[in-house]
Amino acid sequence: MIRRNTMFRAAALLGLLLAFAAGCAKQSNEIPVGVYGSLTGTTATFGISSKQGIELFMDNVNAAGGVAGTKLRILVEDDQSKPEEAATAVQKLIDQDGVVAVLGEVASSRSMAAAPICQQAGVPMISPSSTNPKVTELGDYISRVCYIDPFQGMVIAKFARQTLNLSKAAVLRDNKNDYSVGLANYFSESFHAMGGTVVSDEAYSEGDQDFKAQLTVIKQKKPQFIVVPGYYTEVALIARQARELGIDVPLLGGDGWVSERLLEIAQDALNGSYFVSHYWEKDPNPAIQKFVADYRARYNSTPDALAALAYDAAGVLVNALETLNKEDPAAFKSLSGPRTEKQKAARAKIRDLVNATKDYPGVTGRITLDGKRNAVKSATFLGIKNREYEFVAVVEP
């Protein structure tokens, strides 16, 4: 009996110590911020670039003392390039890790899977680069720092009609991808309105490797260019197979092309093609060049547009945190503590401050969020020549 009592007391004491330790950890002077993205899977470069852009910004903030002396702690989850895993990742970040804000995703389908969870929990979510309009329609806790597909589709149509002086287009879309379907539709609507004609509209599914059947149909229609509003993984293969079939017209696309692997896979097949991006790493702007230099020094690679957008998303969040500390220090302090009604109110204030973002000086341009929490900003058109990107034009909204 004495032994059992001793064991019971020891277990109880251990429980108290663990609870005390957990309480102390929860009260640590850090603000937990969640990051989710595709670190593995079909679009792994999307998540890796974004994670590195966020880390770079947050580490710079922490190195300078944090926000009002409070460090930011980044908790990262891999969604494996799958919408269902994005939902699981964000649920964990909120329920188990207690994050007060979430940064992600790139792919619209994955942002749309995660956004309702953030909305219901009252946790602000900033997407760096999901461009489908439906993303921010899922609630007022959801915002983004990139332009949206209606603008991107119009930009592609305008470039084809006015800059390249082309009037006959073909479209090859991923019919299982919200981003691809939406961008294809917005392009077609704008192109028709500008007097152009879509002579062929073909489809594939993410993960396909053989596109020759669709390209053969397109070739027979004799378009002057082909719009491929997909992700780099398929775009590069489509380009190579198009050239193998003797299709030599330019390919045009959106920001889904952005990846360091695009030209690695495509080789010369995308020479003479064009796509919409969010910034140009050779822009002489001092802020851009500092970002590029810092990124290269840390990761030994050149930051793509997704890294730049993620860097800006982190910046918009930190800007909101700094403002919250100035306006309501008590609310700001609650962010590094346990989940309470006071912290819930503080997260709502972060939401309001993020949504009120105006003229934030990002490396992808000045960022202002409109009434639907979408960024109003310019787009950068890049061309491909001799396996290198070259600046073509900036298109204002």
Protein backbone atom coordinates (compact mmCIF):
# COMPACT_ATOMS: atom_id res chain seq x y z
CA MET A 1 0.00 0.00 0.00
CA ILE A 2 2.83 2.37 0.89
CA ARG A 3 4.56 1.56 -2.41
CA ARG A 4 1.37 2.17 -4.42
CA ASN A 5 0.80 5.51 -2.67
CA THR A 6 4.38 6.51 -3.35
CA MET A 7 4.00 5.64 -7.03
CA PHE A 8 0.71 7.57 -7.20
CA ARG A 9 2.32 10.64 -5.63
CA ALA A 10 5.28 10.42 -8.01
CA ALA A 11 2.97 10.21 -11.00
CA ALA A 12 0.92 13.14 -9.75
CA LEU A 13 4.07 15.17 -9.17
CA LEU A 14 5.31 14.34 -12.67
CA GLY A 15 1.96 15.45 -14.10
CA LEU A 16 2.16 18.74 -12.24
CA LEU A 17 5.71 19.32 -13.47
CA LEU A 18 4.70 18.60 -17.09
CA ALA A 19 1.72 20.92 -16.80
CA PHE A 20 3.92 23.62 -15.29
CA ALA A 21 6.48 23.18 -18.08
CA ALA A 22 3.76 23.37 -20.73
CA GLY A 23 2.38 26.51 -19.12
CA CYS A 24 5.81 28.09 -19.10
CA ALA A 25 6.35 27.18 -22.75
CA LYS A 26 3.00 28.70 -23.64
CA GLN A 27 3.93 31.89 -21.81
CA SER A 28 7.30 32.14 -23.61
CA ASN A 29 8.02 35.50 -25.16
CA GLU A 30 7.42 34.32 -28.73
CA ILE A 31 4.57 34.76 -31.17
CA PRO A 32 3.79 31.50 -33.04
CA VAL A 33 3.14 31.90 -36.77
CA GLY A 34 2.13 28.94 -38.95
CA VAL A 35 3.45 28.25 -42.43
CA TYR A 36 2.10 25.51 -44.69
CA GLY A 37 3.15 24.62 -48.20
CA SER A 38 4.19 21.95 -50.69
CA LEU A 39 7.67 21.02 -49.48
CA THR A 40 7.28 17.67 -51.23
CA GLY A 41 5.07 16.33 -54.01
CA THR A 42 4.37 17.51 -57.55
CA THR A 43 4.97 21.22 -56.92
CA ALA A 44 7.64 21.04 -54.23
CA THR A 45 9.54 24.09 -55.50
CA PHE A 46 6.46 26.23 -54.77
CA GLY A 47 6.56 25.41 -51.07
CA ILE A 48 10.32 25.48 -50.72
CA SER A 49 10.62 28.93 -52.31
CA SER A 50 7.79 30.28 -50.17
CA LYS A 51 9.16 28.82 -46.94
CA GLN A 52 12.58 30.30 -47.61
CA GLY A 53 11.16 33.74 -48.39
CA ILE A 54 9.18 33.74 -45.13
CA GLU A 55 12.11 32.45 -43.09
CA LEU A 56 14.41 35.12 -44.48
CA PHE A 57 12.05 37.94 -43.53
CA MET A 58 11.21 36.58 -40.08
CA ASP A 59 14.81 35.82 -39.21
CA ASN A 60 15.79 39.36 -40.17
CA VAL A 61 13.06 40.69 -37.85
CA ASN A 62 14.20 38.45 -35.00
CA ALA A 63 17.85 39.39 -35.53
CA ALA A 64 16.84 43.03 -35.08
CA GLY A 65 15.13 42.25 -31.78
CA GLY A 66 11.74 40.99 -32.94
CA VAL A 67 8.55 43.04 -32.76
CA ALA A 68 8.74 45.24 -29.66
CA GLY A 69 11.22 42.79 -28.18
CA THR A 70 9.04 39.75 -28.93
CA LYS A 71 10.49 37.11 -31.23
CA LEU A 72 8.48 35.38 -33.94
CA ARG A 73 8.47 31.58 -33.99
CA ILE A 74 7.77 29.89 -37.32
CA LEU A 75 6.09 26.49 -37.33
CA VAL A 76 6.15 24.78 -40.72
CA GLU A 77 3.95 21.98 -42.08
CA ASP A 78 4.31 20.15 -45.41
CA ASP A 79 1.04 19.61 -47.29
CA GLN A 80 2.69 17.30 -49.86
CA SER A 81 1.09 19.25 -52.74
CA LYS A 82 -2.35 17.86 -51.77
CA PRO A 83 -5.44 19.90 -50.80
CA GLU A 84 -6.56 17.37 -48.18
CA GLU A 85 -3.11 17.51 -46.55
CA ALA A 86 -3.25 21.31 -46.57
CA ALA A 87 -6.41 21.15 -44.49
CA THR A 88 -4.80 18.68 -42.08
CA ALA A 89 -1.63 20.78 -41.79
CA VAL A 90 -3.51 23.97 -40.95
CA GLN A 91 -5.76 22.19 -38.46
CA LYS A 92 -2.64 20.98 -36.64
CA LEU A 93 -1.01 24.41 -36.69
CA ILE A 94 -4.11 25.93 -35.08
CA ASP A 95 -5.20 23.18 -32.67
CA GLN A 96 -1.86 21.77 -31.53
CA ASP A 97 0.64 24.56 -32.13
CA GLY A 98 -1.63 27.46 -31.22
CA VAL A 99 -0.51 29.75 -34.05
CA VAL A 100 -2.02 33.24 -34.15
CA ALA A 101 -1.67 33.68 -37.92
CA VAL A 102 -1.04 31.47 -40.95
CA LEU A 103 0.99 32.12 -44.11
CA GLY A 104 0.25 30.00 -47.21
CA GLU A 105 -0.44 28.57 -49.79
CA VAL A 106 0.70 29.01 -53.39
CA ALA A 107 -1.78 26.69 -55.11
CA SER A 108 -5.33 28.05 -55.02
CA SER A 109 -6.88 24.61 -54.51
CA ARG A 110 -4.81 24.10 -51.36
CA SER A 111 -5.53 27.59 -50.03
CA MET A 112 -9.22 26.93 -50.59
CA ALA A 113 -8.98 23.72 -48.57
CA ALA A 114 -7.28 25.46 -45.65
CA ALA A 115 -9.07 28.82 -45.61
CA PRO A 116 -12.39 27.63 -44.07
CA ILE A 117 -10.45 26.18 -41.12
CA CYS A 118 -8.69 29.48 -40.47
CA GLN A 119 -11.93 31.39 -40.88
CA GLN A 120 -13.81 29.22 -38.41
CA ALA A 121 -10.97 29.40 -35.87
CA GLY A 122 -10.60 33.16 -36.20
CA VAL A 123 -6.96 32.91 -37.30
CA PRO A 124 -5.81 35.34 -40.02
CA MET A 125 -4.43 33.62 -43.14
CA ILE A 126 -2.40 35.47 -45.77
CA SER A 127 -1.82 33.67 -49.05
CA PRO A 128 1.36 34.84 -50.73
CA SER A 129 0.41 33.75 -54.22
CA SER A 130 -2.96 32.02 -54.67
CA THR A 131 -4.59 33.94 -57.52
CA ASN A 132 -8.03 32.32 -57.87
CA PRO A 133 -10.66 34.92 -56.77
CA LYS A 134 -12.54 32.30 -54.74
CA VAL A 135 -9.76 32.10 -52.13
CA THR A 136 -10.58 35.35 -50.34
CA GLU A 137 -14.31 34.85 -50.83
CA LEU A 138 -14.11 32.18 -48.11
CA GLY A 139 -14.06 34.72 -45.30
CA ASP A 140 -12.81 38.00 -43.88
CA TYR A 141 -9.86 36.33 -42.13
CA ILE A 142 -8.44 35.39 -45.55
CA SER A 143 -6.31 37.80 -47.59
CA ARG A 144 -3.53 37.73 -50.19
CA VAL A 145 -0.61 39.85 -51.39
CA CYS A 146 -0.80 38.90 -55.09
CA TYR A 147 -3.02 40.00 -57.95
CA ILE A 148 -5.89 37.72 -58.99
CA ASP A 149 -6.64 35.70 -62.11
CA PRO A 150 -9.15 38.05 -63.77
CA PHE A 151 -6.35 40.61 -63.95
CA GLN A 152 -3.75 38.01 -64.91
CA GLY A 153 -5.99 36.59 -67.66
CA MET A 154 -6.63 40.08 -69.02
CA VAL A 155 -2.89 40.84 -69.00
CA ILE A 156 -2.10 37.73 -71.06
CA ALA A 157 -4.86 38.56 -73.55
CA LYS A 158 -3.77 42.19 -73.81
CA PHE A 159 -0.13 41.21 -74.34
CA ALA A 160 -1.05 38.76 -77.10
CA ARG A 161 -3.35 41.20 -78.91
CA GLN A 162 -1.52 44.51 -78.48
CA THR A 163 2.15 43.62 -78.06
CA LEU A 164 2.44 40.47 -80.18
CA ASN A 165 -0.46 41.47 -82.51
CA LEU A 166 -1.89 37.93 -82.50
CA SER A 167 -5.57 37.06 -82.94
CA LYS A 168 -5.85 33.22 -82.97
CA ALA A 169 -5.22 31.35 -79.71
CA ALA A 170 -5.38 27.79 -78.47
CA VAL A 171 -5.77 26.92 -74.77
CA LEU A 172 -4.45 23.81 -73.02
CA ARG A 173 -5.73 23.73 -69.43
CA ASP A 174 -5.55 21.42 -66.42
CA ASN A 175 -9.23 20.63 -65.90
CA LYS A 176 -8.68 19.34 -62.35
CA ASN A 177 -6.93 22.49 -61.14
CA ASP A 178 -8.92 25.51 -59.90
CA TYR A 179 -6.10 27.90 -60.79
CA SER A 180 -5.73 26.58 -64.33
CA VAL A 181 -9.45 26.45 -65.11
CA GLY A 182 -10.07 29.92 -63.75
CA LEU A 183 -7.13 31.53 -65.54
CA ALA A 184 -8.05 29.84 -68.82
CA ASN A 185 -11.60 31.18 -68.58
CA TYR A 186 -10.50 34.72 -67.69
CA PHE A 187 -8.03 34.75 -70.58
CA SER A 188 -10.63 33.52 -73.06
CA GLU A 189 -13.21 36.09 -71.93
CA SER A 190 -10.73 38.95 -72.22
CA PHE A 191 -9.30 37.73 -75.53
CA HIS A 192 -12.76 37.49 -77.11
CA ALA A 193 -13.60 40.98 -75.83
CA MET A 194 -10.45 42.28 -77.54
CA GLY A 195 -11.43 40.75 -80.89
CA GLY A 196 -9.42 37.53 -80.62
CA THR A 197 -10.57 33.98 -81.29
CA VAL A 198 -9.85 30.79 -79.32
CA VAL A 199 -9.67 28.16 -82.06
CA SER A 200 -9.09 25.19 -79.73
CA ASP A 201 -9.59 24.57 -75.99
CA GLU A 202 -8.12 21.25 -74.82
CA ALA A 203 -7.63 19.75 -71.36
CA TYR A 204 -5.42 17.43 -69.33
CA SER A 205 -5.16 16.44 -65.66
CA GLU A 206 -2.37 17.24 -63.20
CA GLY A 207 0.19 14.46 -63.23
CA ASP A 208 -0.28 13.59 -66.91
CA GLN A 209 2.93 12.96 -68.82
CA ASP A 210 1.72 12.60 -72.41
CA PHE A 211 0.04 15.59 -74.10
CA LYS A 212 0.54 14.65 -77.73
CA ALA A 213 -3.12 13.82 -78.40
CA GLN A 214 -4.24 17.28 -77.28
CA LEU A 215 -1.35 18.99 -79.06
CA THR A 216 -2.15 17.15 -82.29
CA VAL A 217 -5.69 18.54 -82.18
CA ILE A 218 -4.33 22.01 -81.46
CA LYS A 219 -1.83 21.80 -84.33
CA GLN A 220 -4.64 21.06 -86.78
CA LYS A 221 -6.40 24.31 -85.75
CA LYS A 222 -3.29 26.37 -86.63
CA PRO A 223 -3.27 28.84 -83.70
CA GLN A 224 -0.76 31.70 -83.58
CA PHE A 225 0.03 30.94 -79.94
CA ILE A 226 -0.95 28.53 -77.16
CA VAL A 227 -1.97 29.58 -73.66
CA VAL A 228 -0.92 27.01 -71.04
CA PRO A 229 -2.27 28.24 -67.68
CA GLY A 230 -0.81 25.40 -65.64
CA TYR A 231 2.05 24.64 -63.29
CA TYR A 232 5.69 24.36 -64.33
CA THR A 233 5.74 20.57 -64.02
CA GLU A 234 3.34 20.05 -66.93
CA VAL A 235 4.17 23.26 -68.83
CA ALA A 236 7.76 22.17 -69.45
CA LEU A 237 6.68 18.77 -70.77
CA ILE A 238 3.96 20.32 -72.94
CA ALA A 239 6.53 22.66 -74.47
CA ARG A 240 8.93 19.85 -75.31
CA GLN A 241 6.21 17.68 -76.84
CA ALA A 242 4.84 20.61 -78.83
CA ARG A 243 8.24 21.18 -80.41
CA GLU A 244 8.59 17.45 -81.14
CA LEU A 245 5.32 17.66 -83.09
CA GLY A 246 6.60 20.63 -85.09
CA ILE A 247 4.52 23.27 -83.27
CA ASP A 248 6.73 26.34 -83.23
CA VAL A 249 4.33 29.07 -82.05
CA PRO A 250 4.94 30.86 -78.72
CA LEU A 251 3.49 29.52 -75.49
CA LEU A 252 2.01 32.04 -73.04
CA GLY A 253 1.21 31.42 -69.40
CA GLY A 254 0.73 32.74 -65.91
CA ASP A 255 2.59 32.72 -62.63
CA GLY A 256 2.19 28.95 -62.32
CA TRP A 257 5.25 28.77 -64.57
CA VAL A 258 7.42 30.29 -61.85
CA SER A 259 10.01 27.73 -60.73
CA GLU A 260 13.75 27.30 -60.95
CA ARG A 261 13.01 23.89 -62.52
CA LEU A 262 10.95 25.21 -65.46
CA LEU A 263 13.85 25.72 -67.86
CA GLU A 264 15.77 22.79 -66.40
CA ILE A 265 12.98 20.49 -67.61
CA ALA A 266 11.98 22.40 -70.77
CA GLN A 267 15.52 23.01 -72.04
CA ASP A 268 15.20 25.06 -75.26
CA ALA A 269 11.53 24.27 -75.83
CA LEU A 270 10.26 27.48 -74.20
CA ASN A 271 12.53 29.88 -76.08
CA GLY A 272 10.34 32.60 -77.59
CA SER A 273 7.60 32.11 -74.99
CA TYR A 274 6.24 34.53 -72.36
CA PHE A 275 4.60 34.42 -68.94
CA VAL A 276 3.24 36.68 -66.23
CA SER A 277 5.22 37.01 -63.02
CA HIS A 278 5.25 39.20 -59.93
CA TYR A 279 8.71 40.72 -59.97
CA TRP A 280 12.02 40.75 -61.83
CA GLU A 281 15.09 39.80 -59.84
CA LYS A 282 17.33 42.05 -61.95
CA ASP A 283 15.26 45.14 -61.21
CA PRO A 284 17.75 47.81 -60.03
CA ASN A 285 15.47 48.86 -57.16
CA PRO A 286 17.76 48.82 -54.05
CA ALA A 287 15.18 47.00 -51.91
CA ILE A 288 14.87 44.24 -54.51
CA GLN A 289 18.61 43.91 -54.90
CA LYS A 290 19.09 43.68 -51.12
CA PHE A 291 16.45 40.96 -50.95
CA VAL A 292 18.10 39.05 -53.82
CA ALA A 293 21.58 39.40 -52.27
CA ASP A 294 20.38 38.27 -48.81
CA TYR A 295 18.51 35.30 -50.29
CA ARG A 296 21.48 34.22 -52.39
CA ALA A 297 23.83 34.50 -49.43
CA ARG A 298 21.60 32.27 -47.33
CA TYR A 299 20.27 29.73 -49.84
CA ASN A 300 22.85 29.86 -52.65
CA SER A 301 20.12 30.38 -55.25
CA THR A 302 18.23 33.24 -56.89
CA PRO A 303 14.81 33.95 -55.37
CA ASP A 304 11.90 33.40 -57.71
CA ALA A 305 8.63 35.36 -57.63
CA LEU A 306 7.07 32.95 -55.13
CA ALA A 307 9.90 33.52 -52.66
CA ALA A 308 9.46 37.27 -53.15
CA LEU A 309 5.70 37.12 -52.57
CA ALA A 310 6.15 35.01 -49.45
CA TYR A 311 8.71 37.52 -48.18
CA ASP A 312 6.12 40.25 -48.73
CA ALA A 313 3.34 38.23 -47.06
CA ALA A 314 5.53 37.93 -43.97
CA GLY A 315 6.17 41.66 -44.18
CA VAL A 316 2.48 42.53 -44.31
CA LEU A 317 1.85 40.36 -41.25
CA VAL A 318 4.73 41.90 -39.29
CA ASN A 319 3.54 45.38 -40.28
CA ALA A 320 0.15 44.52 -38.75
CA LEU A 321 1.81 43.20 -35.57
CA GLU A 322 3.88 46.37 -35.21
CA THR A 323 0.78 48.51 -35.59
CA LEU A 324 -1.13 46.39 -33.08
CA ASN A 325 1.65 46.87 -30.52
CA LYS A 326 1.46 50.65 -30.98
CA GLU A 327 -2.33 50.82 -30.80
CA ASP A 328 -3.05 48.16 -28.17
CA PRO A 329 0.03 46.84 -26.29
CA ALA A 330 -2.08 44.58 -24.07
CA ALA A 331 -3.65 42.88 -27.09
CA PHE A 332 -0.22 42.45 -28.66
CA LYS A 333 1.15 40.88 -25.47
CA SER A 334 -1.66 38.31 -25.46
CA LEU A 335 -0.36 36.84 -28.73
CA SER A 336 2.57 35.17 -26.95
CA GLY A 337 0.33 33.65 -24.28
CA PRO A 338 -2.33 30.92 -24.09
CA ARG A 339 -5.58 30.89 -26.03
CA THR A 340 -7.96 33.30 -24.28
CA GLU A 341 -10.81 35.58 -25.25
CA LYS A 342 -8.33 38.45 -25.12
CA GLN A 343 -6.09 36.70 -27.66
CA LYS A 344 -9.11 35.93 -29.86
CA ALA A 345 -9.90 39.65 -29.91
CA ALA A 346 -6.25 40.39 -30.70
CA ARG A 347 -6.33 38.00 -33.70
CA ALA A 348 -9.41 39.85 -34.95
CA LYS A 349 -7.46 43.09 -34.72
CA ILE A 350 -4.61 41.55 -36.72
CA ARG A 351 -7.19 40.61 -39.35
CA ASP A 352 -8.45 44.17 -39.52
CA LEU A 353 -4.96 45.64 -39.73
CA VAL A 354 -3.90 43.23 -42.49
CA ASN A 355 -7.07 43.94 -44.44
CA ALA A 356 -6.39 47.68 -44.16
CA THR A 357 -2.91 47.34 -45.72
CA LYS A 358 -2.17 50.33 -47.94
CA ASP A 359 0.99 51.07 -49.94
CA TYR A 360 3.10 48.49 -48.14
CA PRO A 361 6.55 48.72 -49.84
CA GLY A 362 7.07 45.10 -50.88
CA VAL A 363 9.77 43.70 -53.14
CA THR A 364 6.98 42.68 -55.55
CA GLY A 365 5.66 46.25 -55.63
CA ARG A 366 3.52 48.44 -53.41
CA ILE A 367 0.73 46.41 -51.87
CA THR A 368 -2.76 47.75 -51.16
CA LEU A 369 -5.62 45.40 -50.31
CA ASP A 370 -9.03 46.21 -51.75
CA GLY A 371 -12.42 45.63 -50.12
CA LYS A 372 -12.26 41.93 -51.06
CA ARG A 373 -8.79 41.56 -49.49
CA ASN A 374 -7.06 41.16 -52.84
CA ALA A 375 -3.85 43.01 -53.68
CA VAL A 376 -4.08 45.79 -56.22
CA LYS A 377 -0.69 45.85 -57.93
CA SER A 378 1.16 45.59 -61.23
CA ALA A 379 2.17 42.45 -63.14
CA THR A 380 5.54 41.79 -64.74
CA PHE A 381 5.80 40.10 -68.13
CA LEU A 382 8.90 38.00 -68.71
CA GLY A 383 10.15 36.44 -71.92
CA ILE A 384 12.39 33.40 -72.41
CA LYS A 385 15.40 33.56 -74.69
CA ASN A 386 18.36 31.17 -74.83
CA ARG A 387 17.13 29.44 -71.67
CA GLU A 388 17.14 32.70 -69.73
CA TYR A 389 14.43 35.06 -68.54
CA GLU A 390 14.32 38.61 -69.82
CA PHE A 391 12.17 41.54 -68.77
CA VAL A 392 9.46 42.52 -71.26
CA ALA A 393 6.99 44.88 -69.60
CA VAL A 394 5.17 45.95 -66.45
CA VAL A 395 1.38 46.09 -66.72
CA GLU A 396 -0.48 48.29 -64.26
CA PRO A 397 -3.96 47.40 -62.92
